[in-house]
Amino acid sequence: MPDSPISSALQRVEKTFAHKPGLALQPDAEARATFSGGLSLEVRHPSGHVIRTDMPSVLGGGGKDVAPGWLMRAGLASCTGTVIAMRAERLGIRLTRLDVTAASHSDARGLLGLEPSVPAGPLDIALRIDVAAENADNTQLADLVAWAQEHSPIGDALRRPIEVELTVNGKLSGLQ
């Protein structure tokens, strides 16, 4: 087993979770989106990181920031890439190139509610992975990518239907 700081950290956490599986179950960091005018929102991480979103001008937005759907694709690409890099570390594979692209096609009629049969979300999602390593052949790299595809949390969430619990808190402002 490789002795890099990443591999050592992963080995420690794997050992801990093997002995105490309950420690692996924990809440994920919340993402809080706050309306900032027009179609813009600020999405905040508890650590203070902020990402701004907007819609393209063709859909009435200012087009100055990324659209929320892009964040989903960015999350999928970065999550898949991270899992590939983590697994490569555990296997001692020294990556020399890793580029993950997530693309999709959508029909805006679903978003706008113009056609009930058209889904609001993407119609498809494609991942393109360009990977190379100095000490792994194509079969090993294909196995690495397949393992990461199976274990990417965001990829899993997109493939597997999960329940979304909705709570609405609201009040009218300016009324007595």
Protein backbone atom coordinates (compact mmCIF):
# COMPACT_ATOMS: atom_id res chain seq x y z
CA MET A 1 0.00 0.00 0.00
CA PRO A 2 1.31 3.47 -0.88
CA ASP A 3 2.55 5.74 1.88
CA SER A 4 1.36 9.17 0.73
CA PRO A 5 -0.41 11.56 3.13
CA ILE A 6 -3.66 11.06 1.19
CA SER A 7 -3.39 7.27 1.24
CA SER A 8 -2.46 7.29 4.94
CA ALA A 9 -5.50 9.45 5.78
CA LEU A 10 -7.80 7.22 3.73
CA GLN A 11 -6.35 4.11 5.36
CA ARG A 12 -6.95 5.56 8.85
CA VAL A 13 -10.56 6.52 8.11
CA GLU A 14 -11.29 3.17 6.43
CA LYS A 15 -9.94 1.35 9.49
CA THR A 16 -12.00 3.53 11.84
CA PHE A 17 -15.22 3.00 9.85
CA ALA A 18 -14.58 -0.75 9.66
CA HIS A 19 -14.46 -0.91 13.46
CA LYS A 20 -17.13 1.72 14.14
CA PRO A 21 -19.48 1.94 11.11
CA GLY A 22 -21.78 4.38 12.91
CA LEU A 23 -19.08 7.07 12.67
CA ALA A 24 -19.39 7.04 8.86
CA LEU A 25 -22.98 8.31 8.97
CA GLN A 26 -23.01 12.07 9.35
CA PRO A 27 -24.85 15.05 7.90
CA ASP A 28 -23.36 16.71 4.83
CA ALA A 29 -22.65 20.44 4.84
CA GLU A 30 -25.77 22.41 3.97
CA ALA A 31 -25.95 24.63 0.92
CA ARG A 32 -28.06 27.74 1.55
CA ALA A 33 -29.27 29.70 -1.47
CA THR A 34 -30.48 33.24 -0.79
CA PHE A 35 -32.32 35.38 -3.32
CA SER A 36 -30.29 38.44 -4.30
CA GLY A 37 -32.58 39.98 -6.95
CA GLY A 38 -33.66 39.17 -10.47
CA LEU A 39 -32.88 35.50 -10.98
CA SER A 40 -29.65 35.65 -8.97
CA LEU A 41 -28.95 33.73 -5.80
CA GLU A 42 -25.97 33.46 -3.48
CA VAL A 43 -25.22 29.92 -2.34
CA ARG A 44 -23.31 29.73 0.92
CA HIS A 45 -21.29 26.94 2.47
CA PRO A 46 -21.11 26.88 6.29
CA SER A 47 -17.37 27.64 6.01
CA GLY A 48 -18.18 30.96 4.33
CA HIS A 49 -17.53 30.06 0.68
CA VAL A 50 -20.01 31.77 -1.65
CA ILE A 51 -21.06 30.85 -5.19
CA ARG A 52 -23.39 33.11 -7.15
CA THR A 53 -25.87 31.76 -9.66
CA ASP A 54 -27.97 33.40 -12.34
CA MET A 55 -29.87 32.30 -15.38
CA PRO A 56 -28.87 33.09 -18.96
CA SER A 57 -30.29 36.31 -20.40
CA VAL A 58 -32.44 34.33 -22.86
CA LEU A 59 -34.36 33.04 -19.81
CA GLY A 60 -34.60 36.46 -18.15
CA GLY A 61 -31.46 36.36 -16.03
CA GLY A 62 -28.45 38.61 -16.12
CA GLY A 63 -26.24 35.84 -17.43
CA LYS A 64 -23.30 37.04 -15.36
CA ASP A 65 -22.95 33.99 -13.11
CA VAL A 66 -23.23 30.23 -13.59
CA ALA A 67 -26.64 28.60 -13.88
CA PRO A 68 -27.71 26.15 -11.15
CA GLY A 69 -27.70 23.25 -13.63
CA TRP A 70 -24.04 23.93 -14.35
CA LEU A 71 -23.32 23.53 -10.62
CA MET A 72 -24.82 20.05 -10.80
CA ARG A 73 -22.56 19.14 -13.73
CA ALA A 74 -19.57 20.74 -12.00
CA GLY A 75 -20.35 18.72 -8.88
CA LEU A 76 -20.57 15.50 -10.86
CA ALA A 77 -17.30 16.18 -12.72
CA SER A 78 -15.36 17.21 -9.62
CA CYS A 79 -16.80 14.45 -7.43
CA THR A 80 -15.98 11.77 -10.00
CA GLY A 81 -12.47 13.19 -10.46
CA THR A 82 -11.92 13.30 -6.71
CA VAL A 83 -13.00 9.67 -6.28
CA ILE A 84 -10.69 8.62 -9.14
CA ALA A 85 -7.79 10.46 -7.48
CA MET A 86 -8.60 8.97 -4.06
CA ARG A 87 -8.78 5.43 -5.40
CA ALA A 88 -5.60 5.93 -7.44
CA GLU A 89 -3.79 6.98 -4.25
CA ARG A 90 -5.01 3.89 -2.40
CA LEU A 91 -3.86 1.65 -5.27
CA GLY A 92 -0.52 3.40 -5.69
CA ILE A 93 -1.40 4.59 -9.19
CA ARG A 94 0.46 7.80 -10.00
CA LEU A 95 -1.84 9.88 -12.17
CA THR A 96 -0.21 12.12 -14.75
CA ARG A 97 -3.44 13.42 -16.27
CA LEU A 98 -7.04 13.54 -15.10
CA ASP A 99 -9.67 15.62 -16.83
CA VAL A 100 -13.38 14.98 -16.20
CA THR A 101 -16.10 16.68 -18.24
CA ALA A 102 -19.81 16.41 -17.47
CA ALA A 103 -22.21 17.44 -20.22
CA SER A 104 -25.97 17.26 -20.57
CA HIS A 105 -28.88 18.23 -22.79
CA SER A 106 -32.01 19.90 -21.44
CA ASP A 107 -35.31 21.04 -22.88
CA ALA A 108 -36.22 24.44 -21.37
CA ARG A 109 -39.92 23.74 -21.98
CA GLY A 110 -39.82 21.51 -18.89
CA LEU A 111 -38.32 24.25 -16.72
CA LEU A 112 -40.96 26.72 -17.94
CA GLY A 113 -43.81 24.23 -17.54
CA LEU A 114 -44.81 24.56 -21.20
CA GLU A 115 -45.07 20.85 -21.94
CA PRO A 116 -46.11 18.44 -19.15
CA SER A 117 -44.36 15.49 -20.81
CA VAL A 118 -40.98 17.26 -20.87
CA PRO A 119 -38.89 16.84 -17.68
CA ALA A 120 -37.58 19.97 -15.97
CA GLY A 121 -34.13 18.45 -15.53
CA PRO A 122 -31.53 17.16 -17.97
CA LEU A 123 -32.59 14.61 -20.56
CA ASP A 124 -29.18 12.94 -20.40
CA ILE A 125 -25.80 13.31 -18.76
CA ALA A 126 -22.48 12.23 -20.25
CA LEU A 127 -19.13 11.96 -18.49
CA ARG A 128 -15.91 12.12 -20.49
CA ILE A 129 -12.79 11.12 -18.59
CA ASP A 130 -9.27 11.59 -19.90
CA VAL A 131 -6.86 9.79 -17.60
CA ALA A 132 -3.26 8.65 -17.75
CA ALA A 133 -0.79 7.30 -15.23
CA GLU A 134 2.88 6.54 -15.25
CA ASN A 135 2.45 3.11 -13.67
CA ALA A 136 -0.90 1.72 -14.86
CA ASP A 137 -2.01 0.21 -18.15
CA ASN A 138 -5.32 0.88 -19.93
CA THR A 139 -7.06 -2.05 -18.23
CA GLN A 140 -6.05 -0.82 -14.77
CA LEU A 141 -7.18 2.71 -15.64
CA ALA A 142 -10.51 1.41 -16.95
CA ASP A 143 -11.00 -0.53 -13.70
CA LEU A 144 -10.07 2.57 -11.70
CA VAL A 145 -12.62 4.71 -13.55
CA ALA A 146 -15.33 2.03 -13.30
CA TRP A 147 -14.76 1.76 -9.53
CA ALA A 148 -14.93 5.54 -9.16
CA GLN A 149 -18.10 5.72 -11.28
CA GLU A 150 -19.72 3.23 -8.92
CA HIS A 151 -18.57 5.05 -5.75
CA SER A 152 -18.94 8.73 -6.69
CA PRO A 153 -21.53 10.14 -4.24
CA ILE A 154 -22.91 12.66 -6.72
CA GLY A 155 -22.94 10.12 -9.53
CA ASP A 156 -24.80 7.74 -7.23
CA ALA A 157 -27.32 10.44 -6.27
CA LEU A 158 -28.01 11.14 -9.95
CA ARG A 159 -28.46 7.45 -10.82
CA ARG A 160 -30.52 6.43 -7.78
CA PRO A 161 -33.86 8.01 -6.93
CA ILE A 162 -33.64 9.62 -3.50
CA GLU A 163 -36.37 11.22 -1.44
CA VAL A 164 -36.29 15.01 -1.26
CA GLU A 165 -38.04 16.26 1.86
CA LEU A 166 -39.59 19.69 1.38
CA THR A 167 -40.35 22.13 4.19
CA VAL A 168 -41.76 25.55 3.37
CA ASN A 169 -41.61 28.49 5.77
CA GLY A 170 -43.05 31.72 4.50
CA LYS A 171 -44.78 34.90 5.41
CA LEU A 172 -46.06 37.84 3.47
CA SER A 173 -44.10 41.01 4.06
CA GLY A 174 -45.75 44.43 4.24
CA LEU A 175 -49.08 43.09 5.49
CA GLN A 176 -50.43 43.57 8.98
